[in-house]
Amino acid sequence: DPRSVASKILKLNLGNFNIVQAGVFVAICSTILTYIFLRILAGNISDDNLSENLVLDELLTYMTGIQPIYFTANQILQMLLFASIITLGGKLFNGSGKFFEAFICIIWVEFILLIIKLLQIILLPFSLIFSFLVLVPGVLWSLWAFASMAAAIHGFHSTLLTLCGGLGLSLLVFTILNILF
């Protein structure tokens, strides 16, 4: 239950520096697993299939060409952005959550998603389809977990309303960022 986990994590009273270190650790682990996944994926796809599917070929070439430090920085920036959205979005609705509370909760969800990435890597040599199907419940669970934890840190009662507000606010923020950049 993400709400109870959020309460337990917040009771640990981790310092901000420790939270940042945890975020960097999770981002580095995510980058490593992503590169392992891409290498296995590239090794399991024949050259004939790649030459027939230019989009997949270009995507794999692009993804494997990105320096790991940029992947890691991107992961950290995403976590910081989501923590900001959760914090500021909650404040808009009179929530009491703080930035580092949101950040540590996001780090926990991202850590659980690392387990899903690991499962993908294990499944990839056996079935490409099952490896990608693992993503669906992972994405759905993460949305619910983010909403549950945001509700917990802000003191909101309804996870569903928190989810709807969070999705709406995220859509607005990403639309604005898309327009600006």
C-alpha atoms as a PDB file:
ATOM      1  CA  ASP A   1       0.000   0.000   0.000  1.00  0.00           C
ATOM      2  CA  PRO A   2       1.788   3.160  -1.168  1.00  0.00           C
ATOM      3  CA  ARG A   3       0.027   5.327   1.439  1.00  0.00           C
ATOM      4  CA  SER A   4       1.384   3.300   4.324  1.00  0.00           C
ATOM      5  CA  VAL A   5       4.811   3.112   2.678  1.00  0.00           C
ATOM      6  CA  ALA A   6       4.800   6.901   2.316  1.00  0.00           C
ATOM      7  CA  SER A   7       4.062   7.244   6.028  1.00  0.00           C
ATOM      8  CA  LYS A   8       6.866   4.819   6.914  1.00  0.00           C
ATOM      9  CA  ILE A   9       9.355   6.536   4.605  1.00  0.00           C
ATOM     10  CA  LEU A  10       8.531   9.969   5.995  1.00  0.00           C
ATOM     11  CA  LYS A  11       8.929   8.711   9.578  1.00  0.00           C
ATOM     12  CA  LEU A  12      12.546   7.826   8.777  1.00  0.00           C
ATOM     13  CA  ASN A  13      13.325  11.579   8.758  1.00  0.00           C
ATOM     14  CA  LEU A  14      16.005  11.239   6.121  1.00  0.00           C
ATOM     15  CA  GLY A  15      18.000  14.367   5.542  1.00  0.00           C
ATOM     16  CA  ASN A  16      17.716  16.214   2.255  1.00  0.00           C
ATOM     17  CA  PHE A  17      21.265  15.205   1.288  1.00  0.00           C
ATOM     18  CA  ASN A  18      20.433  11.525   1.839  1.00  0.00           C
ATOM     19  CA  ILE A  19      17.302  11.908  -0.280  1.00  0.00           C
ATOM     20  CA  VAL A  20      19.320  13.461  -3.109  1.00  0.00           C
ATOM     21  CA  GLN A  21      21.856  10.620  -2.852  1.00  0.00           C
ATOM     22  CA  ALA A  22      19.029   8.075  -3.051  1.00  0.00           C
ATOM     23  CA  GLY A  23      17.693   9.851  -6.147  1.00  0.00           C
ATOM     24  CA  VAL A  24      21.090   9.750  -7.837  1.00  0.00           C
ATOM     25  CA  PHE A  25      21.505   6.076  -6.909  1.00  0.00           C
ATOM     26  CA  VAL A  26      18.123   5.128  -8.376  1.00  0.00           C
ATOM     27  CA  ALA A  27      18.820   7.172 -11.525  1.00  0.00           C
ATOM     28  CA  ILE A  28      22.184   5.439 -12.009  1.00  0.00           C
ATOM     29  CA  CYS A  29      20.620   2.001 -11.488  1.00  0.00           C
ATOM     30  CA  SER A  30      17.872   2.866 -13.952  1.00  0.00           C
ATOM     31  CA  THR A  31      20.441   3.950 -16.527  1.00  0.00           C
ATOM     32  CA  ILE A  32      22.449   0.759 -16.107  1.00  0.00           C
ATOM     33  CA  LEU A  33      19.358  -1.425 -16.498  1.00  0.00           C
ATOM     34  CA  THR A  34      18.194   0.577 -19.515  1.00  0.00           C
ATOM     35  CA  TYR A  35      21.555   0.089 -21.247  1.00  0.00           C
ATOM     36  CA  ILE A  36      21.557  -3.633 -20.438  1.00  0.00           C
ATOM     37  CA  PHE A  37      18.017  -3.894 -21.835  1.00  0.00           C
ATOM     38  CA  LEU A  38      18.971  -2.041 -25.021  1.00  0.00           C
ATOM     39  CA  ARG A  39      22.079  -4.190 -25.548  1.00  0.00           C
ATOM     40  CA  ILE A  40      20.092  -7.408 -25.121  1.00  0.00           C
ATOM     41  CA  LEU A  41      17.339  -6.062 -27.370  1.00  0.00           C
ATOM     42  CA  ALA A  42      19.821  -5.105 -30.074  1.00  0.00           C
ATOM     43  CA  GLY A  43      21.450  -8.543 -29.812  1.00  0.00           C
ATOM     44  CA  ASN A  44      18.123 -10.366 -30.154  1.00  0.00           C
ATOM     45  CA  ILE A  45      16.960  -8.523 -33.253  1.00  0.00           C
ATOM     46  CA  SER A  46      18.438  -9.787 -36.487  1.00  0.00           C
ATOM     47  CA  ASP A  47      20.068  -7.417 -38.959  1.00  0.00           C
ATOM     48  CA  ASP A  48      17.353  -8.327 -41.490  1.00  0.00           C
ATOM     49  CA  ASN A  49      14.616  -7.173 -39.104  1.00  0.00           C
ATOM     50  CA  LEU A  50      16.483  -3.949 -38.371  1.00  0.00           C
ATOM     51  CA  SER A  51      17.003  -3.187 -42.050  1.00  0.00           C
ATOM     52  CA  GLU A  52      13.268  -3.733 -42.670  1.00  0.00           C
ATOM     53  CA  ASN A  53      12.211  -1.561 -39.741  1.00  0.00           C
ATOM     54  CA  LEU A  54      14.010   1.767 -40.026  1.00  0.00           C
ATOM     55  CA  VAL A  55      12.189   3.283 -37.053  1.00  0.00           C
ATOM     56  CA  LEU A  56      13.423   0.539 -34.714  1.00  0.00           C
ATOM     57  CA  ASP A  57      16.923   0.747 -36.174  1.00  0.00           C
ATOM     58  CA  GLU A  58      17.066   4.520 -35.728  1.00  0.00           C
ATOM     59  CA  LEU A  59      15.616   4.288 -32.214  1.00  0.00           C
ATOM     60  CA  LEU A  60      18.156   1.701 -31.076  1.00  0.00           C
ATOM     61  CA  THR A  61      21.005   3.643 -32.688  1.00  0.00           C
ATOM     62  CA  TYR A  62      19.850   6.855 -31.019  1.00  0.00           C
ATOM     63  CA  MET A  63      19.260   5.296 -27.588  1.00  0.00           C
ATOM     64  CA  THR A  64      22.577   3.464 -27.475  1.00  0.00           C
ATOM     65  CA  GLY A  65      24.389   6.574 -28.702  1.00  0.00           C
ATOM     66  CA  ILE A  66      23.326   8.710 -25.730  1.00  0.00           C
ATOM     67  CA  GLN A  67      25.992   9.052 -23.082  1.00  0.00           C
ATOM     68  CA  PRO A  68      25.001   7.402 -19.772  1.00  0.00           C
ATOM     69  CA  ILE A  69      25.544  10.627 -17.847  1.00  0.00           C
ATOM     70  CA  TYR A  70      22.797  12.277 -19.911  1.00  0.00           C
ATOM     71  CA  PHE A  71      20.447   9.350 -19.307  1.00  0.00           C
ATOM     72  CA  THR A  72      21.097   9.662 -15.577  1.00  0.00           C
ATOM     73  CA  ALA A  73      20.666  13.436 -15.602  1.00  0.00           C
ATOM     74  CA  ASN A  74      17.408  13.042 -17.523  1.00  0.00           C
ATOM     75  CA  GLN A  75      16.126  10.542 -14.949  1.00  0.00           C
ATOM     76  CA  ILE A  76      16.999  12.896 -12.088  1.00  0.00           C
ATOM     77  CA  LEU A  77      15.356  15.849 -13.840  1.00  0.00           C
ATOM     78  CA  GLN A  78      12.191  13.806 -14.401  1.00  0.00           C
ATOM     79  CA  MET A  79      12.031  12.882 -10.720  1.00  0.00           C
ATOM     80  CA  LEU A  80      12.603  16.516  -9.722  1.00  0.00           C
ATOM     81  CA  LEU A  81       9.892  17.686 -12.131  1.00  0.00           C
ATOM     82  CA  PHE A  82       7.366  15.166 -10.804  1.00  0.00           C
ATOM     83  CA  ALA A  83       8.263  16.082  -7.215  1.00  0.00           C
ATOM     84  CA  SER A  84       7.683  19.750  -8.098  1.00  0.00           C
ATOM     85  CA  ILE A  85       4.343  18.970  -9.738  1.00  0.00           C
ATOM     86  CA  ILE A  86       3.225  16.922  -6.731  1.00  0.00           C
ATOM     87  CA  THR A  87       4.375  19.593  -4.288  1.00  0.00           C
ATOM     88  CA  LEU A  88       2.982  22.624  -6.095  1.00  0.00           C
ATOM     89  CA  GLY A  89      -0.152  20.793  -7.244  1.00  0.00           C
ATOM     90  CA  GLY A  90      -0.892  19.759  -3.689  1.00  0.00           C
ATOM     91  CA  LYS A  91      -0.325  23.316  -2.460  1.00  0.00           C
ATOM     92  CA  LEU A  92      -2.889  24.541  -5.016  1.00  0.00           C
ATOM     93  CA  PHE A  93      -5.451  22.359  -3.229  1.00  0.00           C
ATOM     94  CA  ASN A  94      -4.320  23.340   0.283  1.00  0.00           C
ATOM     95  CA  GLY A  95      -2.087  20.321   0.756  1.00  0.00           C
ATOM     96  CA  SER A  96       0.584  20.220   3.412  1.00  0.00           C
ATOM     97  CA  GLY A  97       3.293  18.220   1.606  1.00  0.00           C
ATOM     98  CA  LYS A  98       6.845  19.390   1.122  1.00  0.00           C
ATOM     99  CA  PHE A  99       9.169  18.991  -1.856  1.00  0.00           C
ATOM    100  CA  PHE A 100      11.563  16.473  -0.310  1.00  0.00           C
ATOM    101  CA  GLU A 101       8.631  14.402   0.953  1.00  0.00           C
ATOM    102  CA  ALA A 102       7.371  14.164  -2.619  1.00  0.00           C
ATOM    103  CA  PHE A 103      10.891  13.534  -3.913  1.00  0.00           C
ATOM    104  CA  ILE A 104      11.576  10.581  -1.583  1.00  0.00           C
ATOM    105  CA  CYS A 105       8.194   9.063  -2.447  1.00  0.00           C
ATOM    106  CA  ILE A 106       8.961   9.351  -6.157  1.00  0.00           C
ATOM    107  CA  ILE A 107      12.353   7.756  -5.557  1.00  0.00           C
ATOM    108  CA  TRP A 108      10.635   4.812  -3.847  1.00  0.00           C
ATOM    109  CA  VAL A 109       8.247   4.325  -6.790  1.00  0.00           C
ATOM    110  CA  GLU A 110      11.142   4.564  -9.239  1.00  0.00           C
ATOM    111  CA  PHE A 111      13.019   1.973  -7.188  1.00  0.00           C
ATOM    112  CA  ILE A 112      10.075  -0.428  -7.477  1.00  0.00           C
ATOM    113  CA  LEU A 113      10.001   0.271 -11.224  1.00  0.00           C
ATOM    114  CA  LEU A 114      13.638  -0.877 -11.328  1.00  0.00           C
ATOM    115  CA  ILE A 115      12.378  -4.319 -10.316  1.00  0.00           C
ATOM    116  CA  ILE A 116      10.022  -4.235 -13.300  1.00  0.00           C
ATOM    117  CA  LYS A 117      12.938  -3.261 -15.572  1.00  0.00           C
ATOM    118  CA  LEU A 118      14.898  -6.189 -14.184  1.00  0.00           C
ATOM    119  CA  LEU A 119      11.959  -8.499 -14.899  1.00  0.00           C
ATOM    120  CA  GLN A 120      11.892  -7.134 -18.456  1.00  0.00           C
ATOM    121  CA  ILE A 121      15.570  -7.952 -18.875  1.00  0.00           C
ATOM    122  CA  ILE A 122      15.006 -11.491 -17.592  1.00  0.00           C
ATOM    123  CA  LEU A 123      12.026 -12.018 -19.922  1.00  0.00           C
ATOM    124  CA  LEU A 124      13.593 -10.448 -23.011  1.00  0.00           C
ATOM    125  CA  PRO A 125      15.629 -13.467 -24.188  1.00  0.00           C
ATOM    126  CA  PHE A 126      12.528 -15.656 -23.854  1.00  0.00           C
ATOM    127  CA  SER A 127       9.817 -13.415 -25.269  1.00  0.00           C
ATOM    128  CA  LEU A 128       9.964  -9.889 -26.600  1.00  0.00           C
ATOM    129  CA  ILE A 129       6.192  -9.572 -26.244  1.00  0.00           C
ATOM    130  CA  PHE A 130       6.077 -10.643 -22.583  1.00  0.00           C
ATOM    131  CA  SER A 131       9.001  -8.379 -21.858  1.00  0.00           C
ATOM    132  CA  PHE A 132       7.057  -5.377 -23.121  1.00  0.00           C
ATOM    133  CA  LEU A 133       3.734  -6.516 -21.621  1.00  0.00           C
ATOM    134  CA  VAL A 134       5.297  -6.218 -18.167  1.00  0.00           C
ATOM    135  CA  LEU A 135       5.251  -2.453 -18.729  1.00  0.00           C
ATOM    136  CA  VAL A 136       1.453  -2.156 -18.744  1.00  0.00           C
ATOM    137  CA  PRO A 137       0.791  -3.171 -15.124  1.00  0.00           C
ATOM    138  CA  GLY A 138       3.954  -1.312 -14.102  1.00  0.00           C
ATOM    139  CA  VAL A 139       2.742   1.961 -15.589  1.00  0.00           C
ATOM    140  CA  LEU A 140      -0.746   1.552 -14.123  1.00  0.00           C
ATOM    141  CA  TRP A 141       0.669   0.688 -10.703  1.00  0.00           C
ATOM    142  CA  SER A 142       3.060   3.646 -10.774  1.00  0.00           C
ATOM    143  CA  LEU A 143       0.232   6.096 -11.553  1.00  0.00           C
ATOM    144  CA  TRP A 144      -1.762   4.727  -8.619  1.00  0.00           C
ATOM    145  CA  ALA A 145       1.326   4.771  -6.364  1.00  0.00           C
ATOM    146  CA  PHE A 146       2.185   8.380  -7.272  1.00  0.00           C
ATOM    147  CA  ALA A 147      -1.403   9.458  -6.548  1.00  0.00           C
ATOM    148  CA  SER A 148      -1.550   7.497  -3.289  1.00  0.00           C
ATOM    149  CA  MET A 149       1.706   8.946  -2.053  1.00  0.00           C
ATOM    150  CA  ALA A 150       0.766  12.471  -3.116  1.00  0.00           C
ATOM    151  CA  ALA A 151      -2.513  12.096  -1.231  1.00  0.00           C
ATOM    152  CA  ALA A 152      -0.621  10.809   1.815  1.00  0.00           C
ATOM    153  CA  ILE A 153       1.960  13.605   1.956  1.00  0.00           C
ATOM    154  CA  HIS A 154      -0.629  16.332   1.409  1.00  0.00           C
ATOM    155  CA  GLY A 155      -3.230  14.857   3.749  1.00  0.00           C
ATOM    156  CA  PHE A 156      -5.847  14.301   1.041  1.00  0.00           C
ATOM    157  CA  HIS A 157      -8.494  11.642   1.607  1.00  0.00           C
ATOM    158  CA  SER A 158      -9.263  10.607  -1.980  1.00  0.00           C
ATOM    159  CA  THR A 159      -6.590   8.928  -4.048  1.00  0.00           C
ATOM    160  CA  LEU A 160      -8.874   9.022  -7.103  1.00  0.00           C
ATOM    161  CA  LEU A 161      -9.345  12.792  -6.910  1.00  0.00           C
ATOM    162  CA  THR A 162      -5.626  13.202  -6.317  1.00  0.00           C
ATOM    163  CA  LEU A 163      -4.931  11.068  -9.399  1.00  0.00           C
ATOM    164  CA  CYS A 164      -7.335  13.114 -11.538  1.00  0.00           C
ATOM    165  CA  GLY A 165      -5.906  16.406 -10.295  1.00  0.00           C
ATOM    166  CA  GLY A 166      -2.338  15.157 -10.786  1.00  0.00           C
ATOM    167  CA  LEU A 167      -2.997  13.934 -14.322  1.00  0.00           C
ATOM    168  CA  GLY A 168      -4.716  17.207 -15.232  1.00  0.00           C
ATOM    169  CA  LEU A 169      -1.946  19.311 -13.742  1.00  0.00           C
ATOM    170  CA  SER A 170       0.758  17.160 -15.373  1.00  0.00           C
ATOM    171  CA  LEU A 171      -0.956  17.495 -18.747  1.00  0.00           C
ATOM    172  CA  LEU A 172      -1.075  21.264 -18.300  1.00  0.00           C
ATOM    173  CA  VAL A 173       2.609  21.485 -17.291  1.00  0.00           C
ATOM    174  CA  PHE A 174       3.774  19.257 -20.153  1.00  0.00           C
ATOM    175  CA  THR A 175       1.643  21.198 -22.647  1.00  0.00           C
ATOM    176  CA  ILE A 176       3.206  24.454 -21.474  1.00  0.00           C
ATOM    177  CA  LEU A 177       6.717  22.939 -21.623  1.00  0.00           C
ATOM    178  CA  ASN A 178       5.974  21.626 -25.114  1.00  0.00           C
ATOM    179  CA  ILE A 179       4.886  25.069 -26.259  1.00  0.00           C
ATOM    180  CA  LEU A 180       7.920  26.767 -24.727  1.00  0.00           C
ATOM    181  CA  PHE A 181      10.520  24.271 -25.880  1.00  0.00           C
END
